Protein backbone atom coordinates (compact mmCIF):
# COMPACT_ATOMS: atom_id res chain seq x y z
CA MET A 1 -39.05 7.76 -14.03
CA SER A 2 -38.14 6.41 -10.61
CA GLN A 3 -34.54 6.27 -9.39
CA SER A 4 -34.63 2.47 -9.02
CA THR A 5 -35.45 1.96 -12.71
CA VAL A 6 -32.66 4.38 -13.69
CA LEU A 7 -30.00 2.49 -11.74
CA TYR A 8 -31.08 -1.01 -12.74
CA ASP A 9 -33.92 -2.92 -14.37
CA ALA A 10 -36.69 -3.84 -11.97
CA PRO A 11 -36.93 -7.64 -11.66
CA GLY A 12 -39.92 -9.21 -13.29
CA PRO A 13 -42.05 -12.12 -12.00
CA ARG A 14 -39.63 -14.78 -13.26
CA ALA A 15 -36.62 -13.03 -11.75
CA ARG A 16 -38.38 -12.66 -8.39
CA ARG A 17 -39.26 -16.37 -8.38
CA LEU A 18 -35.64 -17.19 -9.19
CA TYR A 19 -34.38 -14.99 -6.34
CA ARG A 20 -36.78 -16.64 -3.90
CA THR A 21 -35.67 -20.08 -5.03
CA ILE A 22 -32.00 -19.18 -4.61
CA ALA A 23 -32.69 -17.79 -1.13
CA ILE A 24 -34.56 -20.94 -0.05
CA VAL A 25 -31.83 -23.23 -1.43
CA THR A 26 -29.16 -21.20 0.33
CA VAL A 27 -30.95 -21.41 3.68
CA ILE A 28 -31.45 -25.16 3.30
CA ALA A 29 -27.77 -25.61 2.41
CA LEU A 30 -26.66 -23.62 5.47
CA ILE A 31 -28.93 -25.66 7.75
CA ALA A 32 -27.60 -28.90 6.25
CA LEU A 33 -24.03 -27.71 6.75
CA ALA A 34 -24.74 -26.81 10.39
CA LEU A 35 -26.28 -30.25 11.01
CA LEU A 36 -23.27 -31.90 9.38
CA VAL A 37 -20.88 -29.97 11.63
CA VAL A 38 -22.88 -30.87 14.76
CA ASN A 39 -23.02 -34.53 13.73
CA THR A 40 -19.26 -34.59 13.11
CA LEU A 41 -18.60 -33.03 16.51
CA TYR A 42 -20.88 -35.59 18.17
CA LYS A 43 -19.19 -38.55 16.49
CA ASN A 44 -15.76 -37.28 17.58
CA ASP A 45 -16.90 -36.78 21.21
CA GLN A 46 -16.46 -33.01 20.93
CA LEU A 47 -19.83 -32.31 22.56
CA GLU A 48 -19.01 -34.12 25.81
CA TYR A 49 -19.20 -32.13 29.02
CA GLU A 50 -15.53 -32.74 29.84
CA VAL A 51 -14.50 -30.97 26.64
CA TRP A 52 -16.44 -27.80 27.47
CA GLU A 53 -16.02 -27.94 31.26
CA PRO A 54 -13.23 -25.32 31.42
CA PHE A 55 -15.52 -22.75 29.84
CA VAL A 56 -18.14 -23.07 32.57
CA THR A 57 -15.61 -23.17 35.43
CA PRO A 58 -15.22 -19.80 37.23
CA ALA A 59 -11.43 -20.07 37.49
CA TYR A 60 -10.97 -20.58 33.76
CA LEU A 61 -13.58 -17.96 32.93
CA GLU A 62 -11.60 -15.49 35.01
CA LEU A 63 -8.46 -16.55 33.17
CA LEU A 64 -10.18 -15.95 29.82
CA GLY A 65 -11.41 -12.57 31.04
CA GLN A 66 -7.88 -11.55 32.00
CA GLY A 67 -6.67 -12.74 28.62
CA ALA A 68 -9.31 -10.63 26.89
CA ILE A 69 -8.21 -7.59 28.91
CA ASN A 70 -4.57 -8.15 27.96
CA THR A 71 -5.58 -8.55 24.31
CA LEU A 72 -7.50 -5.28 24.38
CA LYS A 73 -4.60 -3.57 26.15
CA SER A 74 -2.09 -4.67 23.53
CA ALA A 75 -4.52 -3.72 20.75
CA VAL A 76 -5.06 -0.22 22.18
CA PHE A 77 -1.32 0.47 22.51
CA ALA A 78 -0.69 -0.98 19.06
CA ILE A 79 -3.44 1.07 17.40
CA LEU A 80 -2.38 4.34 19.06
CA GLY A 81 1.26 3.73 18.20
CA ALA A 82 0.39 2.76 14.63
CA LEU A 83 -1.67 5.93 14.17
CA ILE A 84 1.20 8.12 15.38
CA PHE A 85 3.67 6.16 13.25
CA GLY A 86 1.38 6.44 10.23
CA VAL A 87 0.87 10.19 10.56
CA VAL A 88 4.59 10.93 11.00
CA PHE A 89 5.86 8.74 8.17
CA GLY A 90 2.88 9.36 5.90
CA ILE A 91 3.47 13.11 6.04
CA GLY A 92 7.22 12.49 5.83
CA LYS A 93 6.74 10.73 2.49
CA LEU A 94 5.09 13.92 1.21
CA SER A 95 7.97 16.15 2.29
CA ASP A 96 9.65 18.39 -0.28
CA HIS A 97 13.07 17.52 1.18
CA ARG A 98 14.69 14.34 -0.06
CA ILE A 99 16.60 13.87 3.18
CA ILE A 100 13.22 13.39 4.91
CA ARG A 101 11.18 11.83 2.10
CA TRP A 102 13.53 8.99 1.15
CA PRO A 103 14.23 7.65 4.67
CA CYS A 104 10.48 7.70 5.39
CA TRP A 105 9.81 5.86 2.14
CA LEU A 106 12.48 3.26 2.99
CA VAL A 107 11.13 2.63 6.50
CA VAL A 108 7.52 2.31 5.36
CA GLU A 109 8.27 0.00 2.44
CA PHE A 110 10.56 -2.18 4.55
CA PHE A 111 8.09 -2.81 7.36
CA ARG A 112 5.24 -3.31 4.89
CA ALA A 113 7.23 -6.06 3.19
CA VAL A 114 8.34 -7.95 6.31
CA PRO A 115 5.87 -10.68 7.46
CA LEU A 116 4.31 -9.67 10.76
CA LEU A 117 5.06 -12.95 12.54
CA ILE A 118 8.75 -12.76 11.62
CA LEU A 119 8.83 -9.12 12.72
CA ILE A 120 7.33 -9.97 16.12
CA ILE A 121 9.79 -12.84 16.67
CA PHE A 122 12.71 -10.61 15.61
CA VAL A 123 11.75 -7.84 18.03
CA TRP A 124 11.28 -10.43 20.77
CA SER A 125 14.77 -11.83 20.10
CA LEU A 126 16.23 -8.37 20.65
CA TYR A 127 15.09 -8.66 24.27
CA SER A 128 17.30 -11.79 24.66
CA LEU A 129 14.16 -13.97 24.84
CA GLN A 130 12.93 -12.39 28.07
CA LEU A 131 9.37 -13.65 28.62
CA ASP A 132 8.39 -10.61 30.64
CA ARG A 133 9.08 -8.43 27.59
CA SER A 134 6.90 -10.44 25.21
CA PHE A 135 4.06 -7.91 25.58
CA HIS A 136 6.36 -5.10 24.46
CA ALA A 137 7.67 -7.16 21.54
CA LEU A 138 4.12 -7.87 20.36
CA VAL A 139 3.07 -4.22 20.58
CA ILE A 140 6.22 -2.96 18.84
CA GLY A 141 5.79 -5.46 16.01
CA LEU A 142 2.15 -4.47 15.55
CA VAL A 143 3.02 -0.77 15.61
CA LEU A 144 5.74 -1.12 12.97
CA TYR A 145 3.66 -3.24 10.60
CA ASN A 146 0.26 -1.57 10.94
CA GLY A 147 1.88 1.87 11.20
CA SER A 148 3.59 1.38 7.84
CA VAL A 149 0.25 0.40 6.29
CA LEU A 150 -1.46 3.43 7.84
CA ALA A 151 1.35 5.65 6.55
CA GLU A 152 0.31 4.74 3.02
CA VAL A 153 -3.34 5.35 3.97
CA PHE A 154 -2.53 8.84 5.28
CA ARG A 155 -0.38 9.65 2.25
CA ALA A 156 -3.10 8.54 -0.18
CA GLY A 157 -5.80 10.34 1.82
CA ILE A 158 -3.91 13.63 1.79
CA ASN A 159 -3.24 13.32 -1.94
CA ALA A 160 -6.96 12.66 -2.49
CA VAL A 161 -7.87 16.15 -1.26
CA PRO A 162 -8.37 18.47 -4.27
CA LYS A 163 -5.21 20.45 -5.01
CA GLY A 164 -7.18 23.67 -5.11
CA GLN A 165 -7.61 23.51 -1.34
CA ALA A 166 -3.86 23.70 -0.73
CA GLU A 167 -3.35 26.30 -3.45
CA ALA A 168 -5.99 28.54 -1.91
CA ALA A 169 -4.40 28.17 1.54
CA TYR A 170 -0.97 29.07 0.15
CA ALA A 171 -2.52 32.08 -1.61
CA LEU A 172 -3.83 33.25 1.76
CA GLY A 173 -0.27 33.24 3.11
CA MET A 174 -0.39 30.02 5.12
CA ARG A 175 2.79 28.01 5.66
CA LYS A 176 3.07 24.36 4.70
CA TYR A 177 2.63 23.01 8.23
CA GLN A 178 -0.48 25.19 8.61
CA VAL A 179 -1.86 23.95 5.30
CA MET A 180 -1.22 20.36 6.34
CA GLY A 181 -2.68 20.66 9.83
CA SER A 182 -5.58 23.05 9.21
CA VAL A 183 -6.64 22.34 5.63
CA LEU A 184 -5.53 18.98 4.29
CA MET A 185 -5.63 16.68 7.31
CA PRO A 186 -9.19 17.54 8.50
CA GLN A 187 -10.55 16.79 5.02
CA ALA A 188 -8.33 13.76 4.47
CA VAL A 189 -9.46 12.13 7.72
CA LYS A 190 -13.00 11.85 6.36
CA ILE A 191 -11.66 10.05 3.31
CA MET A 192 -9.39 7.79 5.36
CA LEU A 193 -11.78 6.81 8.17
CA PRO A 194 -13.05 3.54 6.62
CA SER A 195 -9.49 2.37 5.92
CA ILE A 196 -8.32 3.40 9.39
CA ILE A 197 -11.17 1.48 11.03
CA SER A 198 -10.41 -1.61 8.96
CA GLN A 199 -6.72 -1.47 9.87
CA CYS A 200 -7.58 -1.09 13.57
CA ILE A 201 -9.63 -4.29 13.35
CA VAL A 202 -6.70 -6.00 11.59
CA ALA A 203 -4.38 -4.89 14.42
CA LEU A 204 -6.77 -6.33 16.99
CA LYS A 205 -6.93 -9.66 15.18
CA ASP A 206 -3.15 -9.73 14.78
CA THR A 207 -2.74 -9.76 18.56
CA SER A 208 -3.56 -13.47 18.29
CA LEU A 209 0.00 -14.00 17.00
CA GLY A 210 1.24 -13.22 20.50
CA PHE A 211 0.89 -16.86 21.56
CA VAL A 212 4.05 -17.65 19.54
CA ILE A 213 6.15 -15.59 21.97
CA LEU A 214 3.84 -16.29 24.95
CA ALA A 215 2.64 -12.69 25.11
CA PRO A 216 -0.28 -12.26 27.53
CA GLY A 217 -3.57 -12.50 25.70
CA LEU A 218 -6.46 -14.72 24.67
CA THR A 219 -4.50 -17.11 22.48
CA THR A 220 -1.85 -17.65 25.15
CA VAL A 221 -4.56 -18.49 27.67
CA GLY A 222 -6.20 -20.78 25.11
CA ARG A 223 -2.84 -22.48 24.56
CA GLU A 224 -2.64 -23.36 28.24
CA ILE A 225 -6.24 -24.65 28.28
CA TRP A 226 -5.94 -26.94 25.28
CA ARG A 227 -2.56 -28.24 26.46
CA GLN A 228 -4.17 -29.21 29.77
CA PHE A 229 -7.47 -30.61 28.51
CA GLY A 230 -6.65 -31.52 24.91
CA ASN A 231 -9.82 -29.77 23.69
CA TYR A 232 -8.28 -27.97 20.72
CA LEU A 233 -11.46 -27.52 18.72
CA ALA A 234 -13.60 -26.35 21.63
CA THR A 235 -10.95 -23.84 22.72
CA ALA A 236 -10.57 -22.56 19.17
CA LEU A 237 -14.34 -22.08 18.83
CA VAL A 238 -14.56 -20.21 22.14
CA LEU A 239 -11.67 -17.92 21.21
CA LEU A 240 -13.24 -17.39 17.78
CA VAL A 241 -16.50 -16.24 19.38
CA ILE A 242 -14.68 -13.89 21.79
CA TYR A 243 -12.62 -12.34 18.99
CA LEU A 244 -15.74 -12.05 16.84
CA ILE A 245 -17.63 -10.17 19.56
CA ILE A 246 -14.70 -7.81 20.23
CA ASN A 247 -14.21 -7.12 16.52
CA LEU A 248 -17.91 -6.43 15.99
CA LEU A 249 -17.91 -4.00 18.93
CA LEU A 250 -14.83 -2.25 17.53
CA ASP A 251 -16.43 -2.09 14.09
CA TRP A 252 -19.60 -0.61 15.60
CA LEU A 253 -17.56 1.95 17.54
CA GLY A 254 -15.61 2.90 14.44
CA ARG A 255 -18.74 3.34 12.34
CA TRP A 256 -20.32 5.44 15.10
CA VAL A 257 -17.25 7.69 15.12
CA GLU A 258 -17.37 7.86 11.32
CA ARG A 259 -21.05 8.87 11.30
CA LYS A 260 -20.52 11.40 14.07
CA TYR A 261 -17.47 12.93 12.40
CA SER A 262 -18.74 13.07 8.84
CA GLY A 263 -22.49 13.37 9.35
CA GLY A 264 -23.15 14.83 12.78
CA ARG A 265 -20.57 17.60 12.86
CA ARG A 266 -21.97 20.10 10.40
CA LEU A 267 -19.24 22.57 11.32
CA ASP A 268 -16.71 20.44 9.43
CA VAL A 269 -18.89 20.47 6.32
CA ASP A 270 -19.43 24.19 6.64
CA ALA A 271 -15.71 24.68 7.11
CA VAL A 272 -15.04 22.89 3.84
CA GLY A 273 -17.60 25.07 2.10
CA ALA A 274 -16.10 28.18 3.66
CA LEU A 275 -12.68 27.07 2.49
CA GLY A 276 -14.02 26.78 -1.04
CA GLU A 277 -15.30 30.35 -0.78
CA GLN A 278 -11.90 31.48 0.51
CA GLU A 279 -10.29 29.69 -2.41
CA ARG A 280 -12.41 31.64 -4.88
CA ILE A 281 -11.67 34.94 -3.10
CA ALA A 282 -7.96 34.16 -2.99
CA MET A 283 -7.85 33.31 -6.68
CA ALA A 284 -9.70 36.53 -7.49
CA GLU A 285 -7.21 38.53 -5.42
CA VAL A 286 -4.26 36.81 -7.13
CA GLU A 287 -5.76 37.55 -10.58
CA ALA A 288 -6.43 41.17 -9.64
CA ALA A 289 -2.87 41.59 -8.36
CA ARG A 290 -1.51 40.08 -11.55
CA GLN A 291 -3.58 42.44 -13.71
CA THR A 292 -2.50 45.42 -11.61
CA ALA A 293 1.16 44.45 -11.97
CA THR A 294 0.69 44.08 -15.73
CA LYS A 295 -0.91 47.50 -16.05
CA GLY A 296 1.77 49.02 -13.86
CA GLY A 297 4.49 47.49 -16.01
CA ALA A 298 2.84 48.84 -19.17
CA GLY A 299 2.58 52.32 -17.65
CA VAL A 300 6.28 52.34 -16.74
CA GLY A 301 7.20 51.18 -20.24
CA GLY A 302 5.10 53.92 -21.82
CA ALA A 303 6.67 56.60 -19.64
CA SER A 304 10.14 55.41 -20.54
CA SER A 305 9.43 55.44 -24.27
CA GLY A 306 8.03 58.92 -24.03
């Protein structure tokens, strides 16, 4: 029996005709929707050259390019800061000491609950509304919010590693920080990679909120363009396409890293297998030591009774 028939029933002739009909109707509906959008834009004079002129003018193209660079810069700083924040507070929430665990829990839950836009405006207000610090306010807000989300990702990823891995490492005499850094984290990263990539894309998209505090970036540049030309829809569509391209490139980069880390590096897979072998050896040694101690205790008891 083939694998396809085990997982699901193979579609028959009627089902295949139905699928083809649905596909054709969907394509026709999408084409009709596209024509409707184009017709609406034409009737509202949104296809005139004056509306799109800024996006073919070298000066404004350079301005958009600088805005894209600033957006990427803020996204890079935000993602790096959020990763560090997430690792520190995610591991802190797993601490055995309440004095560390509870403050980390409070910080993470607080910044997860605060709306990002309000958080960015609040951080900006701490700078006494200095416009030259708007970039820092945007990055700090993104780090606090996305870092708190990543902290939960790291905590859940570490807890997803089988408990036997940590028990075997402790049986080999490793300390907790060694178990965390050498055993749990390398395996947890493979589990967490899809969520980390998704959150990085979210952080990149959230840089668009910077226009509220006039932080340098694409949306701030777009704000100046549509205020000057009044072409709100055209500017929004251009920014949408730019963000879409950047997000797709980041998604491709993240998936390439994921494939390279989990599929290409066979040493990591072998290390996990070797760790499983060490776990079995360690458990055997612990059992042997326990049996030896039991026999020794029985021998001492017998000598005393004699």
